[in-house]
Amino acid sequence: MISAISHPNEERAMIPFSDDELFSAVAAVIDKIRPSLALDGGGIVLLGVKEGRVYVQLQGACVGCASSQETLKYGVERQIRIEIHPEIEVVNVPSGMEDRWDQIG
């Protein structure tokens, strides 16, 4: 299955990878990012990929940190976009929603 994600004021962008293919590639990128987060006491878990959206959960010191959204957007998402595809979006799943990440819009 080829995933599609939409952006405001744009036609749906096609990502030429299945969710399973993206999962493996994203996992490799997150493994590269994880040590940087750990230096500040944080962590990240890859929960899943659905329709070109990557669902993660920031952990440790990242939870409640004022900079966590910047970390997600300019650290995690930026690196995934550089290494895999420029249209991928990363979503942080709130604590307690780990088992229902695929229901988050």
PDB file of N, CA and C in Angstrom:
ATOM      1  N   MET A   1       0.836  -1.174   0.000  1.00  0.00           N
ATOM      2  CA  MET A   1       0.000   0.000   0.000  1.00  0.00           C
ATOM      3  C   MET A   1       0.882   1.238   0.000  1.00  0.00           C
ATOM      4  N   ILE A   2       0.581   2.194  -0.832  1.00  0.00           N
ATOM      5  CA  ILE A   2       1.294   3.465  -0.844  1.00  0.00           C
ATOM      6  C   ILE A   2       0.507   4.421   0.025  1.00  0.00           C
ATOM      7  N   SER A   3       1.194   5.077   0.939  1.00  0.00           N
ATOM      8  CA  SER A   3       0.549   5.974   1.883  1.00  0.00           C
ATOM      9  C   SER A   3       0.397   7.358   1.287  1.00  0.00           C
ATOM     10  N   ALA A   4      -0.662   8.032   1.699  1.00  0.00           N
ATOM     11  CA  ALA A   4      -0.867   9.408   1.284  1.00  0.00           C
ATOM     12  C   ALA A   4      -1.167  10.243   2.509  1.00  0.00           C
ATOM     13  N   ILE A   5      -0.594  11.419   2.557  1.00  0.00           N
ATOM     14  CA  ILE A   5      -0.910  12.338   3.636  1.00  0.00           C
ATOM     15  C   ILE A   5      -1.309  13.654   3.014  1.00  0.00           C
ATOM     16  N   SER A   6      -2.153  14.390   3.696  1.00  0.00           N
ATOM     17  CA  SER A   6      -2.612  15.652   3.138  1.00  0.00           C
ATOM     18  C   SER A   6      -2.083  16.810   3.958  1.00  0.00           C
ATOM     19  N   HIS A   7      -1.945  17.928   3.289  1.00  0.00           N
ATOM     20  CA  HIS A   7      -1.488  19.146   3.911  1.00  0.00           C
ATOM     21  C   HIS A   7      -2.487  20.235   3.538  1.00  0.00           C
ATOM     22  N   PRO A   8      -2.701  21.217   4.419  1.00  0.00           N
ATOM     23  CA  PRO A   8      -3.611  22.305   4.078  1.00  0.00           C
ATOM     24  C   PRO A   8      -3.176  22.987   2.781  1.00  0.00           C
ATOM     25  N   ASN A   9      -4.131  23.308   1.964  1.00  0.00           N
ATOM     26  CA  ASN A   9      -3.908  24.028   0.711  1.00  0.00           C
ATOM     27  C   ASN A   9      -3.046  23.273  -0.295  1.00  0.00           C
ATOM     28  N   GLU A  10      -2.890  21.977  -0.135  1.00  0.00           N
ATOM     29  CA  GLU A  10      -2.112  21.192  -1.077  1.00  0.00           C
ATOM     30  C   GLU A  10      -2.895  19.942  -1.445  1.00  0.00           C
ATOM     31  N   GLU A  11      -2.612  19.419  -2.605  1.00  0.00           N
ATOM     32  CA  GLU A  11      -3.172  18.127  -2.957  1.00  0.00           C
ATOM     33  C   GLU A  11      -2.500  17.072  -2.091  1.00  0.00           C
ATOM     34  N   ARG A  12      -3.118  15.908  -2.001  1.00  0.00           N
ATOM     35  CA  ARG A  12      -2.544  14.832  -1.196  1.00  0.00           C
ATOM     36  C   ARG A  12      -1.190  14.429  -1.772  1.00  0.00           C
ATOM     37  N   ALA A  13      -0.204  14.396  -0.911  1.00  0.00           N
ATOM     38  CA  ALA A  13       1.144  14.006  -1.322  1.00  0.00           C
ATOM     39  C   ALA A  13       1.279  12.491  -1.214  1.00  0.00           C
ATOM     40  N   MET A  14       1.924  11.903  -2.167  1.00  0.00           N
ATOM     41  CA  MET A  14       2.109  10.450  -2.152  1.00  0.00           C
ATOM     42  C   MET A  14       3.499  10.103  -1.637  1.00  0.00           C
ATOM     43  N   ILE A  15       3.527   9.226  -0.667  1.00  0.00           N
ATOM     44  CA  ILE A  15       4.787   8.721  -0.146  1.00  0.00           C
ATOM     45  C   ILE A  15       4.958   7.325  -0.731  1.00  0.00           C
ATOM     46  N   PRO A  16       6.012   7.107  -1.482  1.00  0.00           N
ATOM     47  CA  PRO A  16       6.153   5.850  -2.230  1.00  0.00           C
ATOM     48  C   PRO A  16       6.657   4.664  -1.408  1.00  0.00           C
ATOM     49  N   PHE A  17       6.189   4.555  -0.173  1.00  0.00           N
ATOM     50  CA  PHE A  17       6.580   3.450   0.697  1.00  0.00           C
ATOM     51  C   PHE A  17       5.347   2.946   1.420  1.00  0.00           C
ATOM     52  N   SER A  18       5.319   1.655   1.704  1.00  0.00           N
ATOM     53  CA  SER A  18       4.247   1.123   2.544  1.00  0.00           C
ATOM     54  C   SER A  18       4.547   1.500   3.994  1.00  0.00           C
ATOM     55  N   ASP A  19       3.548   1.383   4.852  1.00  0.00           N
ATOM     56  CA  ASP A  19       3.766   1.662   6.271  1.00  0.00           C
ATOM     57  C   ASP A  19       4.829   0.741   6.859  1.00  0.00           C
ATOM     58  N   ASP A  20       4.838  -0.519   6.442  1.00  0.00           N
ATOM     59  CA  ASP A  20       5.842  -1.469   6.932  1.00  0.00           C
ATOM     60  C   ASP A  20       7.249  -1.059   6.505  1.00  0.00           C
ATOM     61  N   GLU A  21       7.395  -0.623   5.258  1.00  0.00           N
ATOM     62  CA  GLU A  21       8.703  -0.169   4.779  1.00  0.00           C
ATOM     63  C   GLU A  21       9.158   1.079   5.539  1.00  0.00           C
ATOM     64  N   LEU A  22       8.216   1.990   5.774  1.00  0.00           N
ATOM     65  CA  LEU A  22       8.542   3.200   6.511  1.00  0.00           C
ATOM     66  C   LEU A  22       8.952   2.882   7.943  1.00  0.00           C
ATOM     67  N   PHE A  23       8.273   1.932   8.563  1.00  0.00           N
ATOM     68  CA  PHE A  23       8.568   1.596   9.957  1.00  0.00           C
ATOM     69  C   PHE A  23      10.041   1.237  10.122  1.00  0.00           C
ATOM     70  N   SER A  24      10.531   0.361   9.272  1.00  0.00           N
ATOM     71  CA  SER A  24      11.934  -0.060   9.367  1.00  0.00           C
ATOM     72  C   SER A  24      12.893   1.103   9.161  1.00  0.00           C
ATOM     73  N   ALA A  25      12.615   1.928   8.173  1.00  0.00           N
ATOM     74  CA  ALA A  25      13.487   3.071   7.883  1.00  0.00           C
ATOM     75  C   ALA A  25      13.452   4.090   9.018  1.00  0.00           C
ATOM     76  N   VAL A  26      12.252   4.358   9.537  1.00  0.00           N
ATOM     77  CA  VAL A  26      12.101   5.312  10.631  1.00  0.00           C
ATOM     78  C   VAL A  26      12.799   4.794  11.889  1.00  0.00           C
ATOM     79  N   ALA A  27      12.671   3.510  12.157  1.00  0.00           N
ATOM     80  CA  ALA A  27      13.319   2.916  13.331  1.00  0.00           C
ATOM     81  C   ALA A  27      14.829   3.144  13.280  1.00  0.00           C
ATOM     82  N   ALA A  28      15.416   3.027  12.103  1.00  0.00           N
ATOM     83  CA  ALA A  28      16.862   3.240  11.949  1.00  0.00           C
ATOM     84  C   ALA A  28      17.239   4.692  12.231  1.00  0.00           C
ATOM     85  N   VAL A  29      16.424   5.629  11.768  1.00  0.00           N
ATOM     86  CA  VAL A  29      16.702   7.047  12.014  1.00  0.00           C
ATOM     87  C   VAL A  29      16.554   7.358  13.507  1.00  0.00           C
ATOM     88  N   ILE A  30      15.514   6.830  14.119  1.00  0.00           N
ATOM     89  CA  ILE A  30      15.294   7.077  15.546  1.00  0.00           C
ATOM     90  C   ILE A  30      16.440   6.502  16.375  1.00  0.00           C
ATOM     91  N   ASP A  31      16.973   5.370  15.956  1.00  0.00           N
ATOM     92  CA  ASP A  31      18.129   4.803  16.658  1.00  0.00           C
ATOM     93  C   ASP A  31      19.321   5.754  16.628  1.00  0.00           C
ATOM     94  N   LYS A  32      19.442   6.537  15.550  1.00  0.00           N
ATOM     95  CA  LYS A  32      20.525   7.523  15.461  1.00  0.00           C
ATOM     96  C   LYS A  32      20.269   8.724  16.368  1.00  0.00           C
ATOM     97  N   ILE A  33      19.011   9.093  16.539  1.00  0.00           N
ATOM     98  CA  ILE A  33      18.626  10.269  17.323  1.00  0.00           C
ATOM     99  C   ILE A  33      18.619   9.971  18.823  1.00  0.00           C
ATOM    100  N   ARG A  34      18.289   8.749  19.181  1.00  0.00           N
ATOM    101  CA  ARG A  34      18.106   8.360  20.583  1.00  0.00           C
ATOM    102  C   ARG A  34      19.265   8.774  21.504  1.00  0.00           C
ATOM    103  N   PRO A  35      20.535   8.587  21.116  1.00  0.00           N
ATOM    104  CA  PRO A  35      21.625   8.987  22.018  1.00  0.00           C
ATOM    105  C   PRO A  35      21.638  10.485  22.346  1.00  0.00           C
ATOM    106  N   SER A  36      21.249  11.316  21.404  1.00  0.00           N
ATOM    107  CA  SER A  36      21.195  12.760  21.657  1.00  0.00           C
ATOM    108  C   SER A  36      20.145  13.092  22.706  1.00  0.00           C
ATOM    109  N   LEU A  37      19.005  12.436  22.620  1.00  0.00           N
ATOM    110  CA  LEU A  37      17.951  12.656  23.610  1.00  0.00           C
ATOM    111  C   LEU A  37      18.392  12.153  24.985  1.00  0.00           C
ATOM    112  N   ALA A  38      19.083  11.022  24.989  1.00  0.00           N
ATOM    113  CA  ALA A  38      19.531  10.425  26.251  1.00  0.00           C
ATOM    114  C   ALA A  38      20.532  11.321  26.982  1.00  0.00           C
ATOM    115  N   LEU A  39      21.295  12.104  26.251  1.00  0.00           N
ATOM    116  CA  LEU A  39      22.250  13.020  26.882  1.00  0.00           C
ATOM    117  C   LEU A  39      21.561  14.014  27.815  1.00  0.00           C
ATOM    118  N   ASP A  40      20.315  14.341  27.494  1.00  0.00           N
ATOM    119  CA  ASP A  40      19.547  15.267  28.323  1.00  0.00           C
ATOM    120  C   ASP A  40      18.522  14.543  29.202  1.00  0.00           C
ATOM    121  N   GLY A  41      18.639  13.228  29.292  1.00  0.00           N
ATOM    122  CA  GLY A  41      17.733  12.456  30.139  1.00  0.00           C
ATOM    123  C   GLY A  41      16.427  12.070  29.479  1.00  0.00           C
ATOM    124  N   GLY A  42      16.344  12.258  28.178  1.00  0.00           N
ATOM    125  CA  GLY A  42      15.110  11.946  27.459  1.00  0.00           C
ATOM    126  C   GLY A  42      15.203  10.635  26.712  1.00  0.00           C
ATOM    127  N   GLY A  43      14.106  10.280  26.091  1.00  0.00           N
ATOM    128  CA  GLY A  43      14.052   9.074  25.292  1.00  0.00           C
ATOM    129  C   GLY A  43      12.927   9.168  24.283  1.00  0.00           C
ATOM    130  N   ILE A  44      12.879   8.201  23.390  1.00  0.00           N
ATOM    131  CA  ILE A  44      11.840   8.164  22.367  1.00  0.00           C
ATOM    132  C   ILE A  44      11.547   6.713  22.017  1.00  0.00           C
ATOM    133  N   VAL A  45      10.258   6.421  21.821  1.00  0.00           N
ATOM    134  CA  VAL A  45       9.819   5.090  21.425  1.00  0.00           C
ATOM    135  C   VAL A  45       9.005   5.229  20.146  1.00  0.00           C
ATOM    136  N   LEU A  46       9.307   4.429  19.156  1.00  0.00           N
ATOM    137  CA  LEU A  46       8.532   4.384  17.926  1.00  0.00           C
ATOM    138  C   LEU A  46       7.355   3.446  18.149  1.00  0.00           C
ATOM    139  N   LEU A  47       6.135   3.978  18.071  1.00  0.00           N
ATOM    140  CA  LEU A  47       4.935   3.179  18.304  1.00  0.00           C
ATOM    141  C   LEU A  47       4.374   2.590  17.020  1.00  0.00           C
ATOM    142  N   GLY A  48       4.460   3.344  15.930  1.00  0.00           N
ATOM    143  CA  GLY A  48       3.936   2.830  14.680  1.00  0.00           C
ATOM    144  C   GLY A  48       3.958   3.864  13.574  1.00  0.00           C
ATOM    145  N   VAL A  49       3.580   3.406  12.395  1.00  0.00           N
ATOM    146  CA  VAL A  49       3.473   4.252  11.209  1.00  0.00           C
ATOM    147  C   VAL A  49       2.141   3.942  10.551  1.00  0.00           C
ATOM    148  N   LYS A  50       1.405   4.986  10.217  1.00  0.00           N
ATOM    149  CA  LYS A  50       0.102   4.807   9.575  1.00  0.00           C
ATOM    150  C   LYS A  50      -0.115   5.934   8.572  1.00  0.00           C
ATOM    151  N   GLU A  51      -0.284   5.561   7.318  1.00  0.00           N
ATOM    152  CA  GLU A  51      -0.577   6.506   6.239  1.00  0.00           C
ATOM    153  C   GLU A  51       0.424   7.661   6.179  1.00  0.00           C
ATOM    154  N   GLY A  52       1.700   7.334   6.327  1.00  0.00           N
ATOM    155  CA  GLY A  52       2.736   8.343   6.202  1.00  0.00           C
ATOM    156  C   GLY A  52       2.957   9.189   7.438  1.00  0.00           C
ATOM    157  N   ARG A  53       2.272   8.878   8.510  1.00  0.00           N
ATOM    158  CA  ARG A  53       2.472   9.574   9.780  1.00  0.00           C
ATOM    159  C   ARG A  53       3.208   8.634  10.724  1.00  0.00           C
ATOM    160  N   VAL A  54       4.198   9.175  11.398  1.00  0.00           N
ATOM    161  CA  VAL A  54       5.016   8.409  12.331  1.00  0.00           C
ATOM    162  C   VAL A  54       4.552   8.769  13.745  1.00  0.00           C
ATOM    163  N   TYR A  55       4.216   7.753  14.511  1.00  0.00           N
ATOM    164  CA  TYR A  55       3.733   7.947  15.871  1.00  0.00           C
ATOM    165  C   TYR A  55       4.813   7.522  16.854  1.00  0.00           C
ATOM    166  N   VAL A  56       5.241   8.475  17.662  1.00  0.00           N
ATOM    167  CA  VAL A  56       6.291   8.228  18.648  1.00  0.00           C
ATOM    168  C   VAL A  56       5.792   8.680  20.012  1.00  0.00           C
ATOM    169  N   GLN A  57       6.553   8.308  21.019  1.00  0.00           N
ATOM    170  CA  GLN A  57       6.288   8.831  22.353  1.00  0.00           C
ATOM    171  C   GLN A  57       7.606   9.283  22.953  1.00  0.00           C
ATOM    172  N   LEU A  58       7.669  10.572  23.271  1.00  0.00           N
ATOM    173  CA  LEU A  58       8.836  11.095  23.954  1.00  0.00           C
ATOM    174  C   LEU A  58       8.748  10.655  25.407  1.00  0.00           C
ATOM    175  N   GLN A  59       9.899  10.321  26.000  1.00  0.00           N
ATOM    176  CA  GLN A  59       9.908   9.787  27.349  1.00  0.00           C
ATOM    177  C   GLN A  59      10.977  10.456  28.197  1.00  0.00           C
ATOM    178  N   GLY A  60      11.012  10.079  29.463  1.00  0.00           N
ATOM    179  CA  GLY A  60      12.022  10.605  30.374  1.00  0.00           C
ATOM    180  C   GLY A  60      11.894  12.098  30.541  1.00  0.00           C
ATOM    181  N   ALA A  61      13.010  12.802  30.505  1.00  0.00           N
ATOM    182  CA  ALA A  61      13.027  14.251  30.702  1.00  0.00           C
ATOM    183  C   ALA A  61      12.268  15.003  29.611  1.00  0.00           C
ATOM    184  N   CYS A  62      12.000  14.361  28.493  1.00  0.00           N
ATOM    185  CA  CYS A  62      11.250  15.013  27.408  1.00  0.00           C
ATOM    186  C   CYS A  62       9.783  15.235  27.781  1.00  0.00           C
ATOM    187  N   VAL A  63       9.252  14.400  28.669  1.00  0.00           N
ATOM    188  CA  VAL A  63       7.851  14.520  29.075  1.00  0.00           C
ATOM    189  C   VAL A  63       7.692  15.803  29.884  1.00  0.00           C
ATOM    190  N   GLY A  64       6.862  16.684  29.405  1.00  0.00           N
ATOM    191  CA  GLY A  64       6.616  17.945  30.096  1.00  0.00           C
ATOM    192  C   GLY A  64       7.660  19.018  29.860  1.00  0.00           C
ATOM    193  N   CYS A  65       8.697  18.711  29.110  1.00  0.00           N
ATOM    194  CA  CYS A  65       9.738  19.695  28.821  1.00  0.00           C
ATOM    195  C   CYS A  65       9.195  20.761  27.868  1.00  0.00           C
ATOM    196  N   ALA A  66       9.513  22.002  28.142  1.00  0.00           N
ATOM    197  CA  ALA A  66       9.046  23.106  27.302  1.00  0.00           C
ATOM    198  C   ALA A  66       9.577  23.012  25.875  1.00  0.00           C
ATOM    199  N   SER A  67      10.692  22.337  25.693  1.00  0.00           N
ATOM    200  CA  SER A  67      11.300  22.231  24.369  1.00  0.00           C
ATOM    201  C   SER A  67      10.929  20.949  23.625  1.00  0.00           C
ATOM    202  N   SER A  68      10.040  20.145  24.181  1.00  0.00           N
ATOM    203  CA  SER A  68       9.749  18.844  23.567  1.00  0.00           C
ATOM    204  C   SER A  68       9.143  18.970  22.169  1.00  0.00           C
ATOM    205  N   GLN A  69       8.309  19.987  21.942  1.00  0.00           N
ATOM    206  CA  GLN A  69       7.732  20.150  20.597  1.00  0.00           C
ATOM    207  C   GLN A  69       8.803  20.535  19.590  1.00  0.00           C
ATOM    208  N   GLU A  70       9.756  21.358  20.007  1.00  0.00           N
ATOM    209  CA  GLU A  70      10.856  21.719  19.122  1.00  0.00           C
ATOM    210  C   GLU A  70      11.738  20.510  18.839  1.00  0.00           C
ATOM    211  N   THR A  71      11.965  19.701  19.867  1.00  0.00           N
ATOM    212  CA  THR A  71      12.732  18.467  19.685  1.00  0.00           C
ATOM    213  C   THR A  71      12.047  17.574  18.670  1.00  0.00           C
ATOM    214  N   LEU A  72      10.741  17.456  18.801  1.00  0.00           N
ATOM    215  CA  LEU A  72       9.979  16.597  17.894  1.00  0.00           C
ATOM    216  C   LEU A  72      10.023  17.133  16.459  1.00  0.00           C
ATOM    217  N   LYS A  73       9.775  18.427  16.302  1.00  0.00           N
ATOM    218  CA  LYS A  73       9.671  19.023  14.976  1.00  0.00           C
ATOM    219  C   LYS A  73      11.031  19.217  14.306  1.00  0.00           C
ATOM    220  N   TYR A  74      11.967  19.826  15.034  1.00  0.00           N
ATOM    221  CA  TYR A  74      13.237  20.213  14.424  1.00  0.00           C
ATOM    222  C   TYR A  74      14.354  19.202  14.636  1.00  0.00           C
ATOM    223  N   GLY A  75      14.112  18.224  15.471  1.00  0.00           N
ATOM    224  CA  GLY A  75      15.083  17.160  15.671  1.00  0.00           C
ATOM    225  C   GLY A  75      14.628  15.893  14.986  1.00  0.00           C
ATOM    226  N   VAL A  76      13.578  15.304  15.501  1.00  0.00           N
ATOM    227  CA  VAL A  76      13.106  14.000  15.020  1.00  0.00           C
ATOM    228  C   VAL A  76      12.512  14.104  13.618  1.00  0.00           C
ATOM    229  N   GLU A  77      11.486  14.932  13.454  1.00  0.00           N
ATOM    230  CA  GLU A  77      10.812  15.023  12.157  1.00  0.00           C
ATOM    231  C   GLU A  77      11.759  15.508  11.061  1.00  0.00           C
ATOM    232  N   ARG A  78      12.568  16.490  11.366  1.00  0.00           N
ATOM    233  CA  ARG A  78      13.509  17.025  10.369  1.00  0.00           C
ATOM    234  C   ARG A  78      14.458  15.934   9.876  1.00  0.00           C
ATOM    235  N   GLN A  79      15.012  15.150  10.798  1.00  0.00           N
ATOM    236  CA  GLN A  79      15.956  14.110  10.403  1.00  0.00           C
ATOM    237  C   GLN A  79      15.275  13.018   9.586  1.00  0.00           C
ATOM    238  N   ILE A  80      14.058  12.649   9.982  1.00  0.00           N
ATOM    239  CA  ILE A  80      13.306  11.641   9.221  1.00  0.00           C
ATOM    240  C   ILE A  80      13.012  12.155   7.819  1.00  0.00           C
ATOM    241  N   ARG A  81      12.643  13.414   7.708  1.00  0.00           N
ATOM    242  CA  ARG A  81      12.361  13.997   6.391  1.00  0.00           C
ATOM    243  C   ARG A  81      13.610  14.052   5.519  1.00  0.00           C
ATOM    244  N   ILE A  82      14.737  14.365   6.119  1.00  0.00           N
ATOM    245  CA  ILE A  82      15.990  14.425   5.362  1.00  0.00           C
ATOM    246  C   ILE A  82      16.386  13.038   4.864  1.00  0.00           C
ATOM    247  N   GLU A  83      16.299  12.047   5.731  1.00  0.00           N
ATOM    248  CA  GLU A  83      16.805  10.716   5.394  1.00  0.00           C
ATOM    249  C   GLU A  83      15.810   9.825   4.646  1.00  0.00           C
ATOM    250  N   ILE A  84      14.515  10.097   4.781  1.00  0.00           N
ATOM    251  CA  ILE A  84      13.534   9.182   4.179  1.00  0.00           C
ATOM    252  C   ILE A  84      12.662   9.863   3.134  1.00  0.00           C
ATOM    253  N   HIS A  85      11.862  10.853   3.550  1.00  0.00           N
ATOM    254  CA  HIS A  85      10.948  11.520   2.618  1.00  0.00           C
ATOM    255  C   HIS A  85      10.496  12.847   3.226  1.00  0.00           C
ATOM    256  N   PRO A  86      10.469  13.917   2.423  1.00  0.00           N
ATOM    257  CA  PRO A  86      10.167  15.244   2.959  1.00  0.00           C
ATOM    258  C   PRO A  86       8.722  15.486   3.386  1.00  0.00           C
ATOM    259  N   GLU A  87       7.827  14.554   3.134  1.00  0.00           N
ATOM    260  CA  GLU A  87       6.423  14.748   3.480  1.00  0.00           C
ATOM    261  C   GLU A  87       5.986  13.997   4.732  1.00  0.00           C
ATOM    262  N   ILE A  88       6.901  13.318   5.390  1.00  0.00           N
ATOM    263  CA  ILE A  88       6.543  12.536   6.573  1.00  0.00           C
ATOM    264  C   ILE A  88       6.268  13.471   7.748  1.00  0.00           C
ATOM    265  N   GLU A  89       5.234  13.133   8.504  1.00  0.00           N
ATOM    266  CA  GLU A  89       4.852  13.903   9.684  1.00  0.00           C
ATOM    267  C   GLU A  89       5.056  13.038  10.918  1.00  0.00           C
ATOM    268  N   VAL A  90       5.532  13.636  12.000  1.00  0.00           N
ATOM    269  CA  VAL A  90       5.753  12.912  13.249  1.00  0.00           C
ATOM    270  C   VAL A  90       4.770  13.423  14.294  1.00  0.00           C
ATOM    271  N   VAL A  91       4.118  12.490  14.984  1.00  0.00           N
ATOM    272  CA  VAL A  91       3.122  12.814  16.002  1.00  0.00           C
ATOM    273  C   VAL A  91       3.578  12.230  17.332  1.00  0.00           C
ATOM    274  N   ASN A  92       3.581  13.051  18.376  1.00  0.00           N
ATOM    275  CA  ASN A  92       3.901  12.571  19.720  1.00  0.00           C
ATOM    276  C   ASN A  92       2.618  12.059  20.367  1.00  0.00           C
ATOM    277  N   VAL A  93       2.625  10.816  20.798  1.00  0.00           N
ATOM    278  CA  VAL A  93       1.456  10.190  21.421  1.00  0.00           C
ATOM    279  C   VAL A  93       1.519  10.459  22.924  1.00  0.00           C
ATOM    280  N   PRO A  94       0.453  11.033  23.468  1.00  0.00           N
ATOM    281  CA  PRO A  94       0.452  11.326  24.906  1.00  0.00           C
ATOM    282  C   PRO A  94       0.546  10.056  25.746  1.00  0.00           C
ATOM    283  N   SER A  95       1.089  10.212  26.935  1.00  0.00           N
ATOM    284  CA  SER A  95       1.189   9.105  27.871  1.00  0.00           C
ATOM    285  C   SER A  95      -0.208   8.554  28.157  1.00  0.00           C
ATOM    286  N   GLY A  96      -0.315   7.245  28.157  1.00  0.00           N
ATOM    287  CA  GLY A  96      -1.599   6.586  28.374  1.00  0.00           C
ATOM    288  C   GLY A  96      -2.316   6.217  27.083  1.00  0.00           C
ATOM    289  N   MET A  97      -1.815   6.712  25.956  1.00  0.00           N
ATOM    290  CA  MET A  97      -2.447   6.432  24.658  1.00  0.00           C
ATOM    291  C   MET A  97      -1.628   5.450  23.826  1.00  0.00           C
ATOM    292  N   GLU A  98      -0.601   4.837  24.422  1.00  0.00           N
ATOM    293  CA  GLU A  98       0.306   3.962  23.681  1.00  0.00           C
ATOM    294  C   GLU A  98      -0.427   2.838  22.956  1.00  0.00           C
ATOM    295  N   ASP A  99      -1.443   2.285  23.596  1.00  0.00           N
ATOM    296  CA  ASP A  99      -2.171   1.164  23.004  1.00  0.00           C
ATOM    297  C   ASP A  99      -3.194   1.606  21.973  1.00  0.00           C
ATOM    298  N   ARG A 100      -3.407   2.908  21.864  1.00  0.00           N
ATOM    299  CA  ARG A 100      -4.404   3.430  20.913  1.00  0.00           C
ATOM    300  C   ARG A 100      -3.810   4.459  19.978  1.00  0.00           C
ATOM    301  N   TRP A 101      -2.507   4.378  19.743  1.00  0.00           N
ATOM    302  CA  TRP A 101      -1.842   5.375  18.900  1.00  0.00           C
ATOM    303  C   TRP A 101      -2.466   5.464  17.516  1.00  0.00           C
ATOM    304  N   ASP A 102      -2.959   4.333  17.003  1.00  0.00           N
ATOM    305  CA  ASP A 102      -3.511   4.312  15.649  1.00  0.00           C
ATOM    306  C   ASP A 102      -4.880   4.968  15.556  1.00  0.00           C
ATOM    307  N   GLN A 103      -5.434   5.379  16.684  1.00  0.00           N
ATOM    308  CA  GLN A 103      -6.728   6.069  16.691  1.00  0.00           C
ATOM    309  C   GLN A 103      -6.567   7.581  16.744  1.00  0.00           C
ATOM    310  N   ILE A 104      -5.324   8.021  16.898  1.00  0.00           N
ATOM    311  CA  ILE A 104      -5.058   9.463  16.963  1.00  0.00           C
ATOM    312  C   ILE A 104      -5.062  10.013  15.544  1.00  0.00           C
ATOM    313  N   GLY A 105      -5.798  11.084  15.320  1.00  0.00           N
ATOM    314  CA  GLY A 105      -5.937  11.666  13.991  1.00  0.00           C
ATOM    315  C   GLY A 105      -4.801  12.490  13.636  1.00  0.00           C
TER     316      GLY A 105
END
